[in-house]
Protein backbone atom coordinates (compact mmCIF):
# COMPACT_ATOMS: atom_id res chain seq x y z
CA MET A 1 -18.87 7.01 -6.32
CA ASN A 2 -20.35 3.55 -6.49
CA MET A 3 -18.12 1.90 -3.92
CA VAL A 4 -18.56 -1.79 -3.29
CA PRO A 5 -20.96 -2.26 -0.37
CA GLY A 6 -19.11 -3.30 2.75
CA LEU A 7 -15.71 -1.95 1.70
CA GLY A 8 -15.40 -0.01 4.90
CA SER A 9 -16.42 -3.03 6.94
CA GLY A 10 -13.25 -4.87 5.99
CA SER A 11 -14.95 -7.78 4.21
CA THR A 12 -13.04 -7.62 0.91
CA VAL A 13 -10.21 -10.14 0.35
CA LEU A 14 -8.14 -9.50 -2.79
CA ARG A 15 -6.60 -12.71 -4.17
CA GLY A 16 -3.60 -13.04 -6.47
CA GLU A 17 -1.30 -15.81 -7.65
CA ARG A 18 1.37 -15.35 -4.99
CA VAL A 19 -0.35 -13.31 -2.30
CA ARG A 20 -3.73 -12.31 -1.01
CA LEU A 21 -4.67 -9.11 0.77
CA GLU A 22 -6.76 -9.77 3.86
CA PRO A 23 -8.59 -6.94 5.67
CA LEU A 24 -6.33 -6.08 8.59
CA SER A 25 -7.28 -7.42 12.02
CA GLN A 26 -5.62 -8.20 15.35
CA ALA A 27 -5.18 -11.77 14.08
CA HIS A 28 -2.37 -10.39 11.90
CA ALA A 29 -0.50 -8.53 14.66
CA GLN A 30 1.90 -11.34 15.61
CA GLY A 31 2.93 -11.97 12.00
CA LEU A 32 3.34 -8.27 11.30
CA PHE A 33 5.49 -7.88 14.41
CA LEU A 34 7.77 -10.70 13.23
CA ARG A 35 8.27 -8.99 9.84
CA GLY A 36 8.25 -5.35 10.93
CA GLY A 37 11.14 -5.07 13.37
CA HIS A 38 13.95 -4.12 10.97
CA ALA A 39 14.51 -0.37 11.47
CA PRO A 40 16.03 0.46 8.03
CA ASP A 41 12.85 -0.79 6.30
CA TRP A 42 10.91 1.99 8.06
CA ALA A 43 13.34 4.83 7.32
CA PHE A 44 10.86 6.69 5.10
CA MET A 45 7.67 5.70 6.90
CA PRO A 46 5.74 8.08 9.15
CA ARG A 47 6.89 6.10 12.19
CA GLY A 48 9.65 3.66 13.14
CA CYS A 49 9.61 -0.13 13.21
CA PHE A 50 7.70 -2.18 15.78
CA ILE A 51 9.46 -2.36 19.13
CA ASP A 52 7.35 -5.15 20.59
CA LEU A 53 4.10 -7.05 20.03
CA ALA A 54 2.08 -4.48 21.99
CA ASP A 55 3.37 -1.79 19.63
CA ALA A 56 2.28 -3.86 16.62
CA ARG A 57 -1.17 -4.37 18.16
CA GLN A 58 -1.55 -0.66 18.75
CA TRP A 59 -0.52 0.06 15.16
CA VAL A 60 -3.17 -2.40 13.93
CA ASP A 61 -5.83 -0.72 16.08
CA GLU A 62 -4.88 2.71 14.74
CA ALA A 63 -4.91 1.49 11.14
CA MET A 64 -8.31 -0.16 11.53
CA SER A 65 -9.89 2.92 13.09
CA ALA A 66 -8.40 5.55 10.76
CA PRO A 67 -11.19 7.39 8.90
CA GLY A 68 -11.22 7.13 5.11
CA GLU A 69 -8.80 4.20 5.08
CA GLN A 70 -8.90 0.47 4.35
CA PRO A 71 -5.84 -1.47 5.60
CA TRP A 72 -4.82 -4.96 4.54
CA ALA A 73 -2.32 -7.57 5.62
CA ILE A 74 -0.32 -9.06 2.76
CA VAL A 75 -0.34 -12.85 3.10
CA GLU A 76 1.77 -15.30 1.10
CA ASN A 77 -0.51 -17.93 -0.43
CA ALA A 78 1.92 -20.85 -0.42
CA LYS A 79 2.66 -20.94 3.31
CA GLY A 80 0.04 -18.59 4.72
CA LYS A 81 2.74 -16.29 6.09
CA ILE A 82 1.95 -12.67 6.81
CA VAL A 83 4.62 -10.73 4.95
CA GLY A 84 3.63 -7.06 5.26
CA SER A 85 0.82 -4.55 4.99
CA THR A 86 -0.69 -1.96 2.67
CA ARG A 87 -3.81 0.20 2.59
CA TYR A 88 -6.10 2.58 0.80
CA LEU A 89 -5.95 6.10 2.23
CA ASN A 90 -7.79 9.35 1.54
CA MET A 91 -10.79 7.54 0.11
CA LEU A 92 -13.02 10.22 -1.41
CA PRO A 93 -16.20 8.68 -2.87
CA GLU A 94 -17.50 12.06 -4.01
CA HIS A 95 -14.39 12.50 -6.18
CA ARG A 96 -14.00 8.80 -7.11
CA SER A 97 -10.42 8.81 -5.94
CA LEU A 98 -8.17 7.22 -3.34
CA GLU A 99 -4.52 6.79 -2.44
CA ILE A 100 -2.47 3.60 -2.10
CA GLY A 101 0.17 3.79 0.59
CA TRP A 102 1.56 2.62 3.93
CA THR A 103 3.02 -0.35 2.04
CA TRP A 104 5.83 -2.31 3.67
CA LEU A 105 7.21 -5.84 3.43
CA GLY A 106 9.45 -8.03 5.53
CA GLN A 107 12.99 -8.29 4.21
CA GLU A 108 12.62 -11.77 2.75
CA TRP A 109 9.84 -10.58 0.42
CA GLN A 110 11.40 -7.36 -0.80
CA ARG A 111 12.40 -7.34 -4.49
CA THR A 112 10.46 -10.58 -5.10
CA GLY A 113 7.45 -9.36 -7.07
CA VAL A 114 5.16 -9.39 -4.03
CA ASN A 115 4.87 -5.60 -4.00
CA THR A 116 4.09 -5.57 -7.73
CA GLU A 117 1.30 -8.11 -7.31
CA ALA A 118 -0.12 -6.29 -4.28
CA LYS A 119 -0.21 -3.03 -6.28
CA ALA A 120 -1.90 -4.83 -9.18
CA LEU A 121 -4.60 -6.22 -6.87
CA LEU A 122 -5.24 -2.83 -5.25
CA LEU A 123 -5.35 -0.98 -8.57
CA ALA A 124 -7.64 -3.54 -10.18
CA HIS A 125 -10.03 -3.35 -7.25
CA ALA A 126 -9.97 0.45 -7.32
CA PHE A 127 -10.62 0.84 -11.05
CA GLU A 128 -12.70 -2.24 -11.86
CA ARG A 129 -14.81 -2.64 -8.70
CA LEU A 130 -14.86 0.79 -7.06
CA ARG A 131 -14.91 2.65 -10.40
CA CYS A 132 -12.25 5.14 -9.39
CA LEU A 133 -11.19 7.87 -11.77
CA ARG A 134 -7.89 8.45 -10.00
CA VAL A 135 -5.52 6.50 -7.74
CA GLU A 136 -2.61 8.39 -6.25
CA PHE A 137 0.62 7.57 -4.46
CA LYS A 138 3.05 9.72 -2.54
CA ALA A 139 6.69 9.05 -1.72
CA ASP A 140 9.22 10.75 0.49
CA ALA A 141 11.47 12.74 -1.85
CA ARG A 142 14.47 11.01 -0.26
CA ASN A 143 13.07 7.59 -1.13
CA LEU A 144 14.38 7.15 -4.66
CA ARG A 145 13.73 3.40 -4.61
CA SER A 146 10.00 3.92 -4.07
CA GLN A 147 9.84 6.55 -6.80
CA ARG A 148 11.59 4.27 -9.29
CA ALA A 149 9.17 1.46 -8.40
CA LEU A 150 6.16 3.68 -9.08
CA GLU A 151 7.58 4.86 -12.41
CA ARG A 152 8.30 1.23 -13.29
CA ILE A 153 4.63 0.26 -13.04
CA GLY A 154 3.58 3.22 -15.17
CA ALA A 155 2.41 5.75 -12.55
CA ILE A 156 2.85 9.35 -13.68
CA ARG A 157 4.91 11.73 -11.58
CA GLU A 158 2.85 14.84 -10.95
CA GLY A 159 4.96 17.06 -8.73
CA VAL A 160 6.38 17.78 -5.30
CA LEU A 161 4.64 19.14 -2.23
CA ARG A 162 7.39 20.87 -0.30
CA LYS A 163 7.68 20.44 3.48
CA HIS A 164 4.51 18.39 3.25
CA ARG A 165 4.75 16.15 6.32
CA ILE A 166 6.72 16.03 9.56
CA VAL A 167 7.96 12.48 9.96
CA GLN A 168 10.45 10.55 12.08
CA ASN A 169 13.16 12.52 13.88
CA ASP A 170 11.18 15.73 13.30
CA VAL A 171 12.11 15.78 9.60
CA SER A 172 9.96 18.04 7.42
CA ARG A 173 9.81 15.96 4.28
CA ASP A 174 8.92 16.80 0.71
CA SER A 175 6.34 14.45 -0.85
CA VAL A 176 6.50 13.40 -4.51
CA TYR A 177 3.06 12.63 -5.93
CA PHE A 178 2.29 10.04 -8.61
CA SER A 179 -1.02 8.90 -10.06
CA VAL A 180 -2.79 6.52 -12.39
CA ILE A 181 -6.10 7.64 -13.88
CA ASP A 182 -8.89 5.53 -15.32
CA THR A 183 -7.92 6.09 -18.97
CA GLU A 184 -4.40 4.81 -18.21
CA TRP A 185 -5.44 1.76 -16.24
CA LEU A 186 -5.47 -0.79 -19.09
CA ALA A 187 -1.93 0.13 -20.13
CA VAL A 188 -0.76 -0.01 -16.52
CA LYS A 189 -2.53 -3.36 -16.08
CA ARG A 190 -0.64 -4.77 -19.08
CA ARG A 191 2.60 -3.39 -17.70
CA LEU A 192 2.00 -5.02 -14.32
CA ALA A 193 1.27 -8.35 -16.03
CA GLN A 194 4.55 -8.12 -17.97
CA LEU A 195 6.47 -7.32 -14.79
CA SER A 196 4.89 -10.28 -13.01
CA GLU A 197 5.78 -12.65 -15.84
CA GLY A 198 9.38 -11.41 -15.82
CA ARG A 199 9.95 -11.72 -12.06
């Protein structure tokens, strides 16, 4: 896979109309802590919300050091506010594939089109710069909102991995997998543009 040189070094900023995705660093920890303390927003995440700034800093360190991952902070262009985070996971250059996940937003930016634009930036970078053949997503089977959002952008539901991950409160969750492949990207790109115009 012809990945962009320096991807793993965290040098790639992805810029959109409303938001930009900045490679995650400790400079984002304070802003992430301010947005990531609402427990219900983390109900279907692998872990709970941030309990203090030290917890947010530790989370940033873990995200930055995770092998095969590229984390970003989502930053609002207009005011420079850090509004959430997202990342590439399971980056497999030999298979020209990766996963988009660990996406969360502060309450004020949920249902605003920010998530749609962030997904568009990540998908465009994956297919047009990294030359991926496949980008996948997984959602907790209980998280119907996330599944509807993925279907809305044109991702294809592939199936369910039963008792796939043990998450918060020792729950053994089922994971629903979705994907977009290279031959579908142009149609998905048009769909994302339409959704952005209609926000």
